[in-house]
Amino acid sequence: MSVRAAVSGVRSALGGRVVVGTVSSGRVTGYMRTSVREQVYISALRQFSITPIAQKKKAVKNPSSAKEVPEQDIEVAIYDPQSFKSSCDEILAHLKSQVQEVRMGKADLRTLSSLKVQVGKQKIVLDKLGQVSMRGGRHIVVSVYDPETVKAVSAGILAANLNMNPQIDPSNPQTLLIPVPPPTRESREATVKSIKALIESAQKSVHTRSVHHERAKAMAAVKLMKQASYSKDMTTKLESQIEKINKEYLGKLSKMQDEAAQAVMRS
C-alpha cells in the first residue's frame, strides 16, 4: 500500500495520519506513521507504544514553524471490544443517576441553586447565600445563611419566573419554604420529555459522551488496524463484536426510557 493510498483511507477519521504495516518474526505488526507534533487518535486502544525509527526517515515540515520534524512509527495494538463495553456501562450508570434526579425533582434544585440573586449592587449565586434541599418531596427548602439577605433571596426567586412561591418558615425566619405542587398530567409529560432528551443524548450525541460517540472511536481503532495490515478476518470479527455491543446498549437505553416514562405517568 502506498503512503498516498493510506492517507486516503483514513483521512476522515484520523486527521490525515499515514498507516503502514510490517512483518517481524512471522507476526504481523501494525504501524502508524505520524509526525511528533500530531495528536494520535487511538484513545480507544487498550495499549500502544511509540518506537522511534532506527534509520533516517523523510522529514515532515511543520507548517507553523517551517522546520522539519522527524517522523516516528507508532505500534497499533489489537483493539479490545471490552473497552467499548466498559464505556457503555459507565454511560448507562451515569444516565440512571440523571434520570432519577429528574424524576425526584432534583433538576429543579440545581436550577434554583445556580440562580443569581441581586443583593445590594451585586448579583450572587444562590448557593453562596443558602443551602437548597428537598423536604419530604412536598417542599423545596432554602436555608439562608444571613438573615439580612432573606428578603433578597425570596425576591430573586420570585423574579426568576420559575413558578416557585417562597414562604418564610414560621418556626425559622431564615428558612424559605417553596411548596411543590402535586404532579399534573402536563408536569408528568414535561418530565417524560426531559428524560427522553437525556436518553437520546446518551444514545447518539456527537458532541458529548454517548454510545454513538464511543462506537465511532472503536471503529476508528479497528480502521487503524486495517491500515496497519492486520488480517481481514481479525478486523471483520472485531467490527462484528462492536456492532453487537452497540445494539445491546441501544436496546438497554430504549428500555430505560420506556420504564421511566411509565413510572412517571403512573405517579
C-alpha atoms as a PDB file:
ATOM      1  CA  MET A   1       0.000   0.000   0.000  1.00  0.00           C
ATOM      2  CA  SER A   2       1.362   3.405  -0.952  1.00  0.00           C
ATOM      3  CA  VAL A   3       1.558   6.236   1.551  1.00  0.00           C
ATOM      4  CA  ARG A   4      -0.864   8.235  -0.595  1.00  0.00           C
ATOM      5  CA  ALA A   5      -3.415   5.400  -0.554  1.00  0.00           C
ATOM      6  CA  ALA A   6      -3.095   5.031   3.213  1.00  0.00           C
ATOM      7  CA  VAL A   7      -3.740   8.721   3.698  1.00  0.00           C
ATOM      8  CA  SER A   8      -6.851   8.497   1.545  1.00  0.00           C
ATOM      9  CA  GLY A   9      -8.142   5.527   3.544  1.00  0.00           C
ATOM     10  CA  VAL A  10      -8.041   7.087   6.992  1.00  0.00           C
ATOM     11  CA  ARG A  11      -8.037  10.834   6.449  1.00  0.00           C
ATOM     12  CA  SER A  12     -11.612  11.456   7.600  1.00  0.00           C
ATOM     13  CA  ALA A  13     -11.337   9.581  10.921  1.00  0.00           C
ATOM     14  CA  LEU A  14      -7.691  10.136  11.743  1.00  0.00           C
ATOM     15  CA  GLY A  15      -6.818  13.593  10.529  1.00  0.00           C
ATOM     16  CA  GLY A  16      -4.550  12.514   7.662  1.00  0.00           C
ATOM     17  CA  ARG A  17      -2.347  10.091   9.569  1.00  0.00           C
ATOM     18  CA  VAL A  18      -0.470   7.530   7.431  1.00  0.00           C
ATOM     19  CA  VAL A  19      -0.531   3.854   8.307  1.00  0.00           C
ATOM     20  CA  VAL A  20       1.757   1.102   7.021  1.00  0.00           C
ATOM     21  CA  GLY A  21       2.386  -2.492   8.060  1.00  0.00           C
ATOM     22  CA  THR A  22       5.418  -4.705   8.628  1.00  0.00           C
ATOM     23  CA  VAL A  23       6.040  -8.386   9.349  1.00  0.00           C
ATOM     24  CA  SER A  24       8.521  -9.309  12.046  1.00  0.00           C
ATOM     25  CA  SER A  25       9.408 -12.900  13.092  1.00  0.00           C
ATOM     26  CA  GLY A  26       6.299 -14.265  11.380  1.00  0.00           C
ATOM     27  CA  ARG A  27       3.962 -11.896  13.277  1.00  0.00           C
ATOM     28  CA  VAL A  28       2.055  -9.068  11.679  1.00  0.00           C
ATOM     29  CA  THR A  29       2.699  -5.816  13.475  1.00  0.00           C
ATOM     30  CA  GLY A  30       0.809  -2.657  12.592  1.00  0.00           C
ATOM     31  CA  TYR A  31       2.452   0.740  12.490  1.00  0.00           C
ATOM     32  CA  MET A  32       1.060   4.201  12.006  1.00  0.00           C
ATOM     33  CA  ARG A  33       3.450   6.844  10.713  1.00  0.00           C
ATOM     34  CA  THR A  34       2.923  10.316  12.144  1.00  0.00           C
ATOM     35  CA  SER A  35       4.943  13.400  12.985  1.00  0.00           C
ATOM     36  CA  VAL A  36       5.964  14.085  16.580  1.00  0.00           C
ATOM     37  CA  ARG A  37       3.694  17.131  16.840  1.00  0.00           C
ATOM     38  CA  GLU A  38       0.487  15.316  15.851  1.00  0.00           C
ATOM     39  CA  GLN A  39      -2.036  14.094  18.382  1.00  0.00           C
ATOM     40  CA  VAL A  40      -2.558  10.355  17.914  1.00  0.00           C
ATOM     41  CA  TYR A  41      -6.208   9.417  17.977  1.00  0.00           C
ATOM     42  CA  ILE A  42      -6.118   5.907  19.435  1.00  0.00           C
ATOM     43  CA  SER A  43      -7.579   6.543  22.878  1.00  0.00           C
ATOM     44  CA  ALA A  44      -9.923   3.608  22.304  1.00  0.00           C
ATOM     45  CA  LEU A  45      -6.994   1.212  22.077  1.00  0.00           C
ATOM     46  CA  ARG A  46      -6.151  -0.793  25.145  1.00  0.00           C
ATOM     47  CA  GLN A  47      -2.442  -0.017  24.811  1.00  0.00           C
ATOM     48  CA  PHE A  48       0.109   1.266  22.376  1.00  0.00           C
ATOM     49  CA  SER A  49       3.833   2.062  22.353  1.00  0.00           C
ATOM     50  CA  ILE A  50       5.950   4.525  20.462  1.00  0.00           C
ATOM     51  CA  THR A  51       9.037   3.129  18.719  1.00  0.00           C
ATOM     52  CA  PRO A  52      11.405   5.580  17.028  1.00  0.00           C
ATOM     53  CA  ILE A  53      12.537   4.582  13.529  1.00  0.00           C
ATOM     54  CA  ALA A  54      16.043   3.236  13.601  1.00  0.00           C
ATOM     55  CA  GLN A  55      17.092   4.630  10.232  1.00  0.00           C
ATOM     56  CA  LYS A  56      16.569   8.149   8.984  1.00  0.00           C
ATOM     57  CA  LYS A  57      13.126   8.766   7.564  1.00  0.00           C
ATOM     58  CA  LYS A  58      11.863  11.510   5.313  1.00  0.00           C
ATOM     59  CA  ALA A  59      11.230  14.581   7.462  1.00  0.00           C
ATOM     60  CA  VAL A  60       7.927  16.438   7.537  1.00  0.00           C
ATOM     61  CA  LYS A  61       7.755  20.209   7.553  1.00  0.00           C
ATOM     62  CA  ASN A  62       5.906  21.813  10.420  1.00  0.00           C
ATOM     63  CA  PRO A  63       3.665  24.490   8.828  1.00  0.00           C
ATOM     64  CA  SER A  64       3.659  26.650  11.943  1.00  0.00           C
ATOM     65  CA  SER A  65       7.424  26.836  12.299  1.00  0.00           C
ATOM     66  CA  ALA A  66       8.631  25.943   8.781  1.00  0.00           C
ATOM     67  CA  LYS A  67      11.036  23.495  10.436  1.00  0.00           C
ATOM     68  CA  GLU A  68      11.458  19.848   9.548  1.00  0.00           C
ATOM     69  CA  VAL A  69      10.121  17.434  12.166  1.00  0.00           C
ATOM     70  CA  PRO A  70      11.339  13.820  12.240  1.00  0.00           C
ATOM     71  CA  GLU A  71       8.766  11.051  11.851  1.00  0.00           C
ATOM     72  CA  GLN A  72       8.086   8.107  14.128  1.00  0.00           C
ATOM     73  CA  ASP A  73       6.455   4.700  13.778  1.00  0.00           C
ATOM     74  CA  ILE A  74       3.661   4.047  16.263  1.00  0.00           C
ATOM     75  CA  GLU A  75       2.724   0.456  17.003  1.00  0.00           C
ATOM     76  CA  VAL A  76      -1.016  -0.199  16.774  1.00  0.00           C
ATOM     77  CA  ALA A  77      -2.209  -2.787  19.291  1.00  0.00           C
ATOM     78  CA  ILE A  78      -5.104  -5.183  18.753  1.00  0.00           C
ATOM     79  CA  TYR A  79      -8.319  -3.443  19.783  1.00  0.00           C
ATOM     80  CA  ASP A  80     -10.192  -4.913  22.752  1.00  0.00           C
ATOM     81  CA  PRO A  81     -14.016  -4.578  22.381  1.00  0.00           C
ATOM     82  CA  GLN A  82     -14.309  -4.828  26.161  1.00  0.00           C
ATOM     83  CA  SER A  83     -13.179  -1.201  26.373  1.00  0.00           C
ATOM     84  CA  PHE A  84     -16.239  -0.183  24.313  1.00  0.00           C
ATOM     85  CA  LYS A  85     -18.487  -2.253  26.582  1.00  0.00           C
ATOM     86  CA  SER A  86     -16.944  -0.691  29.706  1.00  0.00           C
ATOM     87  CA  SER A  87     -17.517   2.812  28.324  1.00  0.00           C
ATOM     88  CA  CYS A  88     -21.164   1.966  27.618  1.00  0.00           C
ATOM     89  CA  ASP A  89     -21.580   0.652  31.175  1.00  0.00           C
ATOM     90  CA  GLU A  90     -20.291   3.979  32.517  1.00  0.00           C
ATOM     91  CA  ILE A  91     -22.684   5.919  30.272  1.00  0.00           C
ATOM     92  CA  LEU A  92     -25.590   3.756  31.435  1.00  0.00           C
ATOM     93  CA  ALA A  93     -24.746   4.184  35.139  1.00  0.00           C
ATOM     94  CA  HIS A  94     -24.429   7.966  34.819  1.00  0.00           C
ATOM     95  CA  LEU A  95     -27.687   8.165  32.886  1.00  0.00           C
ATOM     96  CA  LYS A  96     -29.586   6.185  35.531  1.00  0.00           C
ATOM     97  CA  SER A  97     -28.478   8.745  38.105  1.00  0.00           C
ATOM     98  CA  GLN A  98     -29.580  11.635  35.878  1.00  0.00           C
ATOM     99  CA  VAL A  99     -32.991  10.093  35.182  1.00  0.00           C
ATOM    100  CA  GLN A 100     -33.552   9.504  38.890  1.00  0.00           C
ATOM    101  CA  GLU A 101     -32.727  13.133  39.643  1.00  0.00           C
ATOM    102  CA  VAL A 102     -35.230  14.342  37.053  1.00  0.00           C
ATOM    103  CA  ARG A 103     -37.941  12.083  38.468  1.00  0.00           C
ATOM    104  CA  MET A 104     -37.287  13.327  42.018  1.00  0.00           C
ATOM    105  CA  GLY A 105     -37.212  16.976  41.019  1.00  0.00           C
ATOM    106  CA  LYS A 106     -33.521  17.385  41.820  1.00  0.00           C
ATOM    107  CA  ALA A 107     -33.025  19.086  38.486  1.00  0.00           C
ATOM    108  CA  ASP A 108     -35.158  21.925  39.905  1.00  0.00           C
ATOM    109  CA  LEU A 109     -32.848  22.088  42.930  1.00  0.00           C
ATOM    110  CA  ARG A 110     -29.817  22.548  40.674  1.00  0.00           C
ATOM    111  CA  THR A 111     -31.614  25.257  38.712  1.00  0.00           C
ATOM    112  CA  LEU A 112     -32.502  27.064  41.919  1.00  0.00           C
ATOM    113  CA  SER A 113     -29.002  26.703  43.395  1.00  0.00           C
ATOM    114  CA  SER A 114     -27.451  28.322  40.315  1.00  0.00           C
ATOM    115  CA  LEU A 115     -29.893  31.261  40.344  1.00  0.00           C
ATOM    116  CA  LYS A 116     -28.234  34.691  40.613  1.00  0.00           C
ATOM    117  CA  VAL A 117     -29.786  36.915  43.280  1.00  0.00           C
ATOM    118  CA  GLN A 118     -29.494  40.699  43.454  1.00  0.00           C
ATOM    119  CA  VAL A 119     -28.011  41.621  46.834  1.00  0.00           C
ATOM    120  CA  GLY A 120     -27.305  45.330  47.078  1.00  0.00           C
ATOM    121  CA  LYS A 121     -25.329  46.332  43.994  1.00  0.00           C
ATOM    122  CA  GLN A 122     -24.090  42.858  43.117  1.00  0.00           C
ATOM    123  CA  LYS A 123     -25.523  39.555  41.925  1.00  0.00           C
ATOM    124  CA  ILE A 124     -24.624  36.466  43.943  1.00  0.00           C
ATOM    125  CA  VAL A 125     -25.294  32.818  43.109  1.00  0.00           C
ATOM    126  CA  LEU A 126     -27.940  31.446  45.468  1.00  0.00           C
ATOM    127  CA  ASP A 127     -25.859  28.519  46.712  1.00  0.00           C
ATOM    128  CA  LYS A 128     -23.445  31.100  48.161  1.00  0.00           C
ATOM    129  CA  LEU A 129     -26.298  32.626  50.149  1.00  0.00           C
ATOM    130  CA  GLY A 130     -28.017  29.491  51.394  1.00  0.00           C
ATOM    131  CA  GLN A 131     -28.465  25.735  51.136  1.00  0.00           C
ATOM    132  CA  VAL A 132     -31.139  24.290  48.849  1.00  0.00           C
ATOM    133  CA  SER A 133     -32.693  20.910  49.684  1.00  0.00           C
ATOM    134  CA  MET A 134     -35.875  18.861  49.406  1.00  0.00           C
ATOM    135  CA  ARG A 135     -38.163  18.130  52.363  1.00  0.00           C
ATOM    136  CA  GLY A 136     -40.436  15.122  52.099  1.00  0.00           C
ATOM    137  CA  GLY A 137     -40.991  15.567  48.389  1.00  0.00           C
ATOM    138  CA  ARG A 138     -43.542  18.305  49.096  1.00  0.00           C
ATOM    139  CA  HIS A 139     -41.322  21.336  49.766  1.00  0.00           C
ATOM    140  CA  ILE A 140     -38.077  22.800  48.491  1.00  0.00           C
ATOM    141  CA  VAL A 141     -36.224  24.323  51.425  1.00  0.00           C
ATOM    142  CA  VAL A 142     -33.809  27.266  51.178  1.00  0.00           C
ATOM    143  CA  SER A 143     -31.844  27.749  54.402  1.00  0.00           C
ATOM    144  CA  VAL A 144     -30.432  31.279  54.140  1.00  0.00           C
ATOM    145  CA  TYR A 145     -27.118  31.837  55.927  1.00  0.00           C
ATOM    146  CA  ASP A 146     -27.514  35.552  56.674  1.00  0.00           C
ATOM    147  CA  PRO A 147     -30.864  36.866  57.993  1.00  0.00           C
ATOM    148  CA  GLU A 148     -30.146  40.180  56.243  1.00  0.00           C
ATOM    149  CA  THR A 149     -30.388  38.514  52.808  1.00  0.00           C
ATOM    150  CA  VAL A 150     -33.618  36.515  53.296  1.00  0.00           C
ATOM    151  CA  LYS A 151     -35.781  39.153  51.579  1.00  0.00           C
ATOM    152  CA  ALA A 152     -33.331  39.464  48.681  1.00  0.00           C
ATOM    153  CA  VAL A 153     -33.288  35.688  48.173  1.00  0.00           C
ATOM    154  CA  SER A 154     -37.085  35.495  48.247  1.00  0.00           C
ATOM    155  CA  ALA A 155     -37.405  38.385  45.778  1.00  0.00           C
ATOM    156  CA  GLY A 156     -34.813  36.814  43.478  1.00  0.00           C
ATOM    157  CA  ILE A 157     -36.690  33.505  43.357  1.00  0.00           C
ATOM    158  CA  LEU A 158     -39.976  35.253  42.567  1.00  0.00           C
ATOM    159  CA  ALA A 159     -38.354  37.388  39.860  1.00  0.00           C
ATOM    160  CA  ALA A 160     -36.845  34.340  38.130  1.00  0.00           C
ATOM    161  CA  ASN A 161     -40.249  33.112  36.881  1.00  0.00           C
ATOM    162  CA  LEU A 162     -39.583  29.532  37.968  1.00  0.00           C
ATOM    163  CA  ASN A 163     -43.188  29.030  39.073  1.00  0.00           C
ATOM    164  CA  MET A 164     -41.959  28.989  42.676  1.00  0.00           C
ATOM    165  CA  ASN A 165     -43.560  30.883  45.537  1.00  0.00           C
ATOM    166  CA  PRO A 166     -41.184  31.049  48.538  1.00  0.00           C
ATOM    167  CA  GLN A 167     -42.676  31.500  52.001  1.00  0.00           C
ATOM    168  CA  ILE A 168     -40.884  32.176  55.288  1.00  0.00           C
ATOM    169  CA  ASP A 169     -40.989  29.205  57.658  1.00  0.00           C
ATOM    170  CA  PRO A 170     -42.898  30.353  60.798  1.00  0.00           C
ATOM    171  CA  SER A 171     -40.537  28.347  63.006  1.00  0.00           C
ATOM    172  CA  ASN A 172     -37.346  29.702  61.419  1.00  0.00           C
ATOM    173  CA  PRO A 173     -37.197  33.176  59.816  1.00  0.00           C
ATOM    174  CA  GLN A 174     -34.011  32.230  57.931  1.00  0.00           C
ATOM    175  CA  THR A 175     -35.724  29.365  56.112  1.00  0.00           C
ATOM    176  CA  LEU A 176     -37.780  29.718  52.954  1.00  0.00           C
ATOM    177  CA  LEU A 177     -40.301  27.009  52.077  1.00  0.00           C
ATOM    178  CA  ILE A 178     -41.308  26.552  48.449  1.00  0.00           C
ATOM    179  CA  PRO A 179     -44.357  24.292  48.027  1.00  0.00           C
ATOM    180  CA  VAL A 180     -44.027  21.663  45.308  1.00  0.00           C
ATOM    181  CA  PRO A 181     -47.415  21.327  43.602  1.00  0.00           C
ATOM    182  CA  PRO A 182     -48.786  17.817  43.098  1.00  0.00           C
ATOM    183  CA  PRO A 183     -47.939  16.466  39.656  1.00  0.00           C
ATOM    184  CA  THR A 184     -50.395  17.121  36.856  1.00  0.00           C
ATOM    185  CA  ARG A 185     -50.610  15.398  33.507  1.00  0.00           C
ATOM    186  CA  GLU A 186     -48.769  18.341  31.961  1.00  0.00           C
ATOM    187  CA  SER A 187     -45.959  18.215  34.526  1.00  0.00           C
ATOM    188  CA  ARG A 188     -45.626  14.449  34.087  1.00  0.00           C
ATOM    189  CA  GLU A 189     -45.413  14.840  30.328  1.00  0.00           C
ATOM    190  CA  ALA A 190     -42.742  17.517  30.778  1.00  0.00           C
ATOM    191  CA  THR A 191     -40.749  15.130  32.982  1.00  0.00           C
ATOM    192  CA  VAL A 192     -41.056  12.348  30.400  1.00  0.00           C
ATOM    193  CA  LYS A 193     -39.858  14.781  27.724  1.00  0.00           C
ATOM    194  CA  SER A 194     -36.804  15.693  29.824  1.00  0.00           C
ATOM    195  CA  ILE A 195     -35.966  12.021  30.374  1.00  0.00           C
ATOM    196  CA  LYS A 196     -36.328  11.309  26.656  1.00  0.00           C
ATOM    197  CA  ALA A 197     -33.902  14.136  25.827  1.00  0.00           C
ATOM    198  CA  LEU A 198     -31.335  12.767  28.293  1.00  0.00           C
ATOM    199  CA  ILE A 199     -31.543   9.252  26.875  1.00  0.00           C
ATOM    200  CA  GLU A 200     -31.406  10.390  23.252  1.00  0.00           C
ATOM    201  CA  SER A 201     -28.258  12.345  24.079  1.00  0.00           C
ATOM    202  CA  ALA A 202     -26.720   9.221  25.637  1.00  0.00           C
ATOM    203  CA  GLN A 203     -27.656   7.232  22.540  1.00  0.00           C
ATOM    204  CA  LYS A 204     -26.465   9.351  19.666  1.00  0.00           C
ATOM    205  CA  SER A 205     -24.972  12.698  20.632  1.00  0.00           C
ATOM    206  CA  VAL A 206     -21.823  13.539  18.678  1.00  0.00           C
ATOM    207  CA  HIS A 207     -20.852  16.399  20.988  1.00  0.00           C
ATOM    208  CA  THR A 208     -20.986  14.625  24.352  1.00  0.00           C
ATOM    209  CA  ARG A 209     -20.122  11.153  25.527  1.00  0.00           C
ATOM    210  CA  SER A 210     -22.632   8.708  24.065  1.00  0.00           C
ATOM    211  CA  VAL A 211     -22.881   5.145  22.756  1.00  0.00           C
ATOM    212  CA  HIS A 212     -22.664   6.551  19.221  1.00  0.00           C
ATOM    213  CA  HIS A 213     -19.516   8.511  20.083  1.00  0.00           C
ATOM    214  CA  GLU A 214     -17.840   5.515  21.760  1.00  0.00           C
ATOM    215  CA  ARG A 215     -18.748   3.268  18.813  1.00  0.00           C
ATOM    216  CA  ALA A 216     -17.117   5.746  16.426  1.00  0.00           C
ATOM    217  CA  LYS A 217     -13.919   5.636  18.494  1.00  0.00           C
ATOM    218  CA  ALA A 218     -13.964   1.830  18.485  1.00  0.00           C
ATOM    219  CA  MET A 219     -14.466   1.637  14.716  1.00  0.00           C
ATOM    220  CA  ALA A 220     -11.689   4.178  14.167  1.00  0.00           C
ATOM    221  CA  ALA A 221      -9.358   1.956  16.195  1.00  0.00           C
ATOM    222  CA  VAL A 222     -10.227  -1.043  14.013  1.00  0.00           C
ATOM    223  CA  LYS A 223      -9.693   1.094  10.915  1.00  0.00           C
ATOM    224  CA  LEU A 224      -6.185   1.783  12.163  1.00  0.00           C
ATOM    225  CA  MET A 225      -5.623  -1.958  12.402  1.00  0.00           C
ATOM    226  CA  LYS A 226      -6.830  -2.440   8.821  1.00  0.00           C
ATOM    227  CA  GLN A 227      -4.418   0.168   7.537  1.00  0.00           C
ATOM    228  CA  ALA A 228      -1.655  -1.384   9.634  1.00  0.00           C
ATOM    229  CA  SER A 229      -2.082  -4.685   7.737  1.00  0.00           C
ATOM    230  CA  TYR A 230      -3.847  -6.769  10.355  1.00  0.00           C
ATOM    231  CA  SER A 231      -5.787  -9.659   8.815  1.00  0.00           C
ATOM    232  CA  LYS A 232      -9.234  -9.093   7.335  1.00  0.00           C
ATOM    233  CA  ASP A 233     -10.673 -11.957   9.395  1.00  0.00           C
ATOM    234  CA  MET A 234      -9.483 -10.315  12.630  1.00  0.00           C
ATOM    235  CA  THR A 235     -10.779  -6.828  11.829  1.00  0.00           C
ATOM    236  CA  THR A 236     -14.100  -8.147  10.497  1.00  0.00           C
ATOM    237  CA  LYS A 237     -14.616 -10.129  13.702  1.00  0.00           C
ATOM    238  CA  LEU A 238     -13.856  -7.045  15.811  1.00  0.00           C
ATOM    239  CA  GLU A 239     -16.314  -4.931  13.824  1.00  0.00           C
ATOM    240  CA  SER A 240     -18.984  -7.581  14.353  1.00  0.00           C
ATOM    241  CA  GLN A 241     -18.344  -7.579  18.117  1.00  0.00           C
ATOM    242  CA  ILE A 242     -18.529  -3.777  18.238  1.00  0.00           C
ATOM    243  CA  GLU A 243     -21.861  -3.741  16.386  1.00  0.00           C
ATOM    244  CA  LYS A 244     -23.245  -6.408  18.735  1.00  0.00           C
ATOM    245  CA  ILE A 245     -22.299  -4.335  21.795  1.00  0.00           C
ATOM    246  CA  ASN A 246     -23.704  -1.192  20.158  1.00  0.00           C
ATOM    247  CA  LYS A 247     -27.061  -2.892  19.516  1.00  0.00           C
ATOM    248  CA  GLU A 248     -27.154  -4.295  23.063  1.00  0.00           C
ATOM    249  CA  TYR A 249     -26.686  -0.923  24.755  1.00  0.00           C
ATOM    250  CA  LEU A 250     -29.013   0.998  22.457  1.00  0.00           C
ATOM    251  CA  GLY A 251     -31.623  -1.574  23.444  1.00  0.00           C
ATOM    252  CA  LYS A 252     -30.886  -1.043  27.136  1.00  0.00           C
ATOM    253  CA  LEU A 253     -31.289   2.704  26.755  1.00  0.00           C
ATOM    254  CA  SER A 254     -34.610   2.333  24.939  1.00  0.00           C
ATOM    255  CA  LYS A 255     -35.849   0.017  27.678  1.00  0.00           C
ATOM    256  CA  MET A 256     -34.777   2.518  30.353  1.00  0.00           C
ATOM    257  CA  GLN A 257     -36.722   5.273  28.596  1.00  0.00           C
ATOM    258  CA  ASP A 258     -39.895   3.180  28.363  1.00  0.00           C
ATOM    259  CA  GLU A 259     -39.739   2.081  32.007  1.00  0.00           C
ATOM    260  CA  ALA A 260     -39.039   5.606  33.288  1.00  0.00           C
ATOM    261  CA  ALA A 261     -41.877   7.093  31.229  1.00  0.00           C
ATOM    262  CA  GLN A 262     -44.343   4.504  32.516  1.00  0.00           C
ATOM    263  CA  ALA A 263     -43.265   5.091  36.127  1.00  0.00           C
ATOM    264  CA  VAL A 264     -43.643   8.875  35.789  1.00  0.00           C
ATOM    265  CA  MET A 265     -47.100   8.688  34.228  1.00  0.00           C
ATOM    266  CA  ARG A 266     -48.269   6.317  36.982  1.00  0.00           C
ATOM    267  CA  SER A 267     -47.016   8.540  39.819  1.00  0.00           C
END
